[in-house]
Structure formats: structure tokens, C-alpha cells
């Protein structure tokens, strides 16, 4: 297999589109907060919560995301960072980048296909549970 090109680093901000839209699937809600548009790549930021299901539970979410820009261009998606925590409810904010950016797109569709809740143990990392979507957001920049 040929080596994969490194992900571009978003550096030159072109604009920010405030979204603030929430989608709920099977009782699980995800809010898309904003779309940051950079010359090199775009970034979307999500907020979501999950009730703590055990006293010591702290499963970390990984989102499976797809992006289309109405232009039939395949886009690479990668995690930019995130975190969360809380008491009885775990609240997370996660950012994902994708390239090439959607600068010329009239509609940008962000689809969270599933959330894998990862757990860690002595045996390593594994999926503790999965929330299946899709949660779909259409942005008209």
C-alpha cells in the first residue's frame, strides 16, 4: 500500500459558520456547534452528553463521520481533539477536521454514522458500546 499523505494543518481561518443544531436518534442527541472554514481544511465541533452508567465508568467516544459538499469530492476526516467529564452526566465536546475544504459548496452535509464508546482495561482498548445513527446536519454556509 502506498503511504498516506499527512493531514493538512488548518492555519488560515476563512470564516466561521455558527450552526447550533441538535439531532436526536434513538434518544441520543448530538449538537453541531460550528463549522470553522480554513484554507487548508474545515473543522466541525460537536457537543453531546451521556448519563454515567456506573460509578467508575468513563468511556471515551469515537465518532464515525462522513462529509459531503454537494460536489462528489471524497474527503478525509480525522479527530482534532476533544474531552469531557462530569458527575452523573458525561458531557463531551469533540472537534473533527476534514479536507479538502468545502469552500465552494452550497450545502455541506455532516453525518455522524455511529459513536463507539471506547473502554480501557488491562487487556487494552475495546468498544464498550455503540450508539448507531445517523445524525445528519445540513449546513448552508
Protein backbone atom coordinates (compact mmCIF):
# COMPACT_ATOMS: atom_id res chain seq x y z
CA UNK A 1 0.00 0.00 0.00
CA UNK A 2 1.31 3.48 -0.81
CA UNK A 3 1.91 5.75 2.19
CA UNK A 4 -0.93 8.08 3.11
CA UNK A 5 -0.29 11.81 2.79
CA UNK A 6 -0.20 13.64 6.12
CA UNK A 7 -3.30 15.51 7.19
CA UNK A 8 -3.19 19.24 6.40
CA UNK A 9 -2.98 21.58 9.37
CA UNK A 10 -5.78 24.17 9.43
CA UNK A 11 -3.97 27.51 9.83
CA UNK A 12 -5.56 30.29 7.78
CA UNK A 13 -9.10 30.96 9.01
CA UNK A 14 -11.51 31.98 6.25
CA UNK A 15 -14.70 32.16 8.33
CA UNK A 16 -16.90 30.54 10.98
CA UNK A 17 -20.47 29.38 10.47
CA UNK A 18 -22.42 29.13 13.73
CA UNK A 19 -24.73 26.12 13.45
CA UNK A 20 -26.20 25.30 16.86
CA UNK A 21 -28.36 22.44 15.52
CA UNK A 22 -29.27 19.34 17.53
CA UNK A 23 -30.25 15.99 16.03
CA UNK A 24 -31.67 13.14 18.11
CA UNK A 25 -31.57 9.48 17.06
CA UNK A 26 -32.83 6.69 19.34
CA UNK A 27 -32.94 9.13 22.25
CA UNK A 28 -29.29 10.17 21.81
CA UNK A 29 -28.74 13.85 20.96
CA UNK A 30 -25.73 15.45 19.28
CA UNK A 31 -25.35 19.20 18.74
CA UNK A 32 -23.21 20.54 15.91
CA UNK A 33 -21.93 23.84 17.30
CA UNK A 34 -19.98 25.35 14.42
CA UNK A 35 -18.19 24.88 11.12
CA UNK A 36 -14.80 26.59 11.00
CA UNK A 37 -13.60 27.14 7.45
CA UNK A 38 -9.87 27.25 6.86
CA UNK A 39 -7.95 27.49 3.61
CA UNK A 40 -6.36 24.07 4.28
CA UNK A 41 -9.27 22.11 5.85
CA UNK A 42 -12.59 22.59 7.67
CA UNK A 43 -13.34 21.79 11.33
CA UNK A 44 -16.68 20.89 12.93
CA UNK A 45 -17.26 20.95 16.70
CA UNK A 46 -19.83 18.72 18.39
CA UNK A 47 -21.33 18.68 21.89
CA UNK A 48 -23.07 15.62 23.30
CA UNK A 49 -23.84 14.05 26.65
CA UNK A 50 -24.33 10.60 28.08
CA UNK A 51 -25.59 9.54 31.51
CA UNK A 52 -22.86 7.88 33.54
CA UNK A 53 -23.80 4.20 33.57
CA UNK A 54 -21.67 3.16 36.51
CA UNK A 55 -19.77 4.79 39.31
CA UNK A 56 -16.36 4.34 37.69
CA UNK A 57 -17.40 4.40 34.06
CA UNK A 58 -15.55 6.87 31.86
CA UNK A 59 -15.84 5.57 28.33
CA UNK A 60 -14.34 7.82 25.68
CA UNK A 61 -16.36 8.41 22.47
CA UNK A 62 -15.08 8.00 18.93
CA UNK A 63 -17.34 9.33 16.18
CA UNK A 64 -17.57 7.77 12.72
CA UNK A 65 -18.16 10.78 10.46
CA UNK A 66 -18.81 11.33 6.77
CA UNK A 67 -18.81 14.68 4.95
CA UNK A 68 -20.21 15.64 1.56
CA UNK A 69 -20.11 19.07 -0.03
CA UNK A 70 -22.52 18.57 -2.90
CA UNK A 71 -19.55 18.22 -5.23
CA UNK A 72 -18.78 14.46 -5.26
CA UNK A 73 -15.33 15.08 -3.74
CA UNK A 74 -14.08 12.40 -1.34
CA UNK A 75 -12.98 13.96 1.94
CA UNK A 76 -10.67 12.59 4.63
CA UNK A 77 -11.96 13.05 8.19
CA UNK A 78 -9.81 12.96 11.33
CA UNK A 79 -10.14 13.80 15.02
CA UNK A 80 -8.68 17.14 16.08
CA UNK A 81 -9.28 16.84 19.81
CA UNK A 82 -11.90 16.59 22.45
CA UNK A 83 -12.63 15.98 26.04
CA UNK A 84 -15.29 15.69 28.61
CA UNK A 85 -16.30 14.64 32.03
CA UNK A 86 -18.83 15.41 34.67
CA UNK A 87 -20.78 13.92 37.53
CA UNK A 88 -23.92 11.93 36.80
CA UNK A 89 -23.79 13.04 33.18
CA UNK A 90 -20.70 12.93 30.98
CA UNK A 91 -20.57 15.97 28.69
CA UNK A 92 -18.22 15.96 25.71
CA UNK A 93 -17.01 18.43 23.08
CA UNK A 94 -15.16 16.97 20.12
CA UNK A 95 -13.70 18.57 17.01
CA UNK A 96 -13.14 16.80 13.69
CA UNK A 97 -11.37 18.16 10.63
CA UNK A 98 -11.87 17.25 7.01
CA UNK A 99 -10.13 18.02 3.75
CA UNK A 100 -10.31 19.17 1.11
CA UNK A 101 -12.33 22.09 2.50
CA UNK A 102 -15.84 22.88 1.28
CA UNK A 103 -15.17 26.48 0.24
CA UNK A 104 -17.28 26.33 -2.93
CA UNK A 105 -20.08 24.10 -1.60
CA UNK A 106 -23.60 25.45 -1.27
CA UNK A 107 -24.58 22.66 1.12
CA UNK A 108 -22.28 20.80 3.48
CA UNK A 109 -23.71 17.59 4.92
CA UNK A 110 -22.09 16.24 8.08
CA UNK A 111 -23.21 12.75 9.05
CA UNK A 112 -22.28 11.05 12.31
CA UNK A 113 -22.86 7.40 11.43
CA UNK A 114 -22.15 5.99 14.89
CA UNK A 115 -20.47 6.64 18.23
CA UNK A 116 -18.20 3.93 19.61
CA UNK A 117 -17.75 4.28 23.37
CA UNK A 118 -14.22 3.02 23.96
CA UNK A 119 -13.16 1.41 27.22
CA UNK A 120 -9.73 0.66 28.56
CA UNK A 121 -8.72 -2.33 30.64
CA UNK A 122 -5.66 -4.40 31.44
CA UNK A 123 -6.20 -6.18 28.10
CA UNK A 124 -6.16 -2.94 26.11
CA UNK A 125 -8.69 -0.81 24.33
CA UNK A 126 -12.06 -2.08 23.08
CA UNK A 127 -15.56 -0.92 22.21
CA UNK A 128 -17.75 -0.88 25.33
CA UNK A 129 -20.95 0.06 23.49
CA UNK A 130 -22.12 1.71 20.28
CA UNK A 131 -24.81 4.28 19.55
CA UNK A 132 -25.96 3.93 15.94
CA UNK A 133 -27.12 6.95 13.91
CA UNK A 134 -27.03 8.53 11.54
CA UNK A 135 -27.24 12.03 12.94
CA UNK A 136 -27.31 14.27 9.87
CA UNK A 137 -26.64 18.01 9.71
CA UNK A 138 -27.01 20.14 6.59
CA UNK A 139 -25.19 23.47 6.65
CA UNK A 140 -25.80 26.21 4.10
CA UNK A 141 -22.69 28.39 4.52
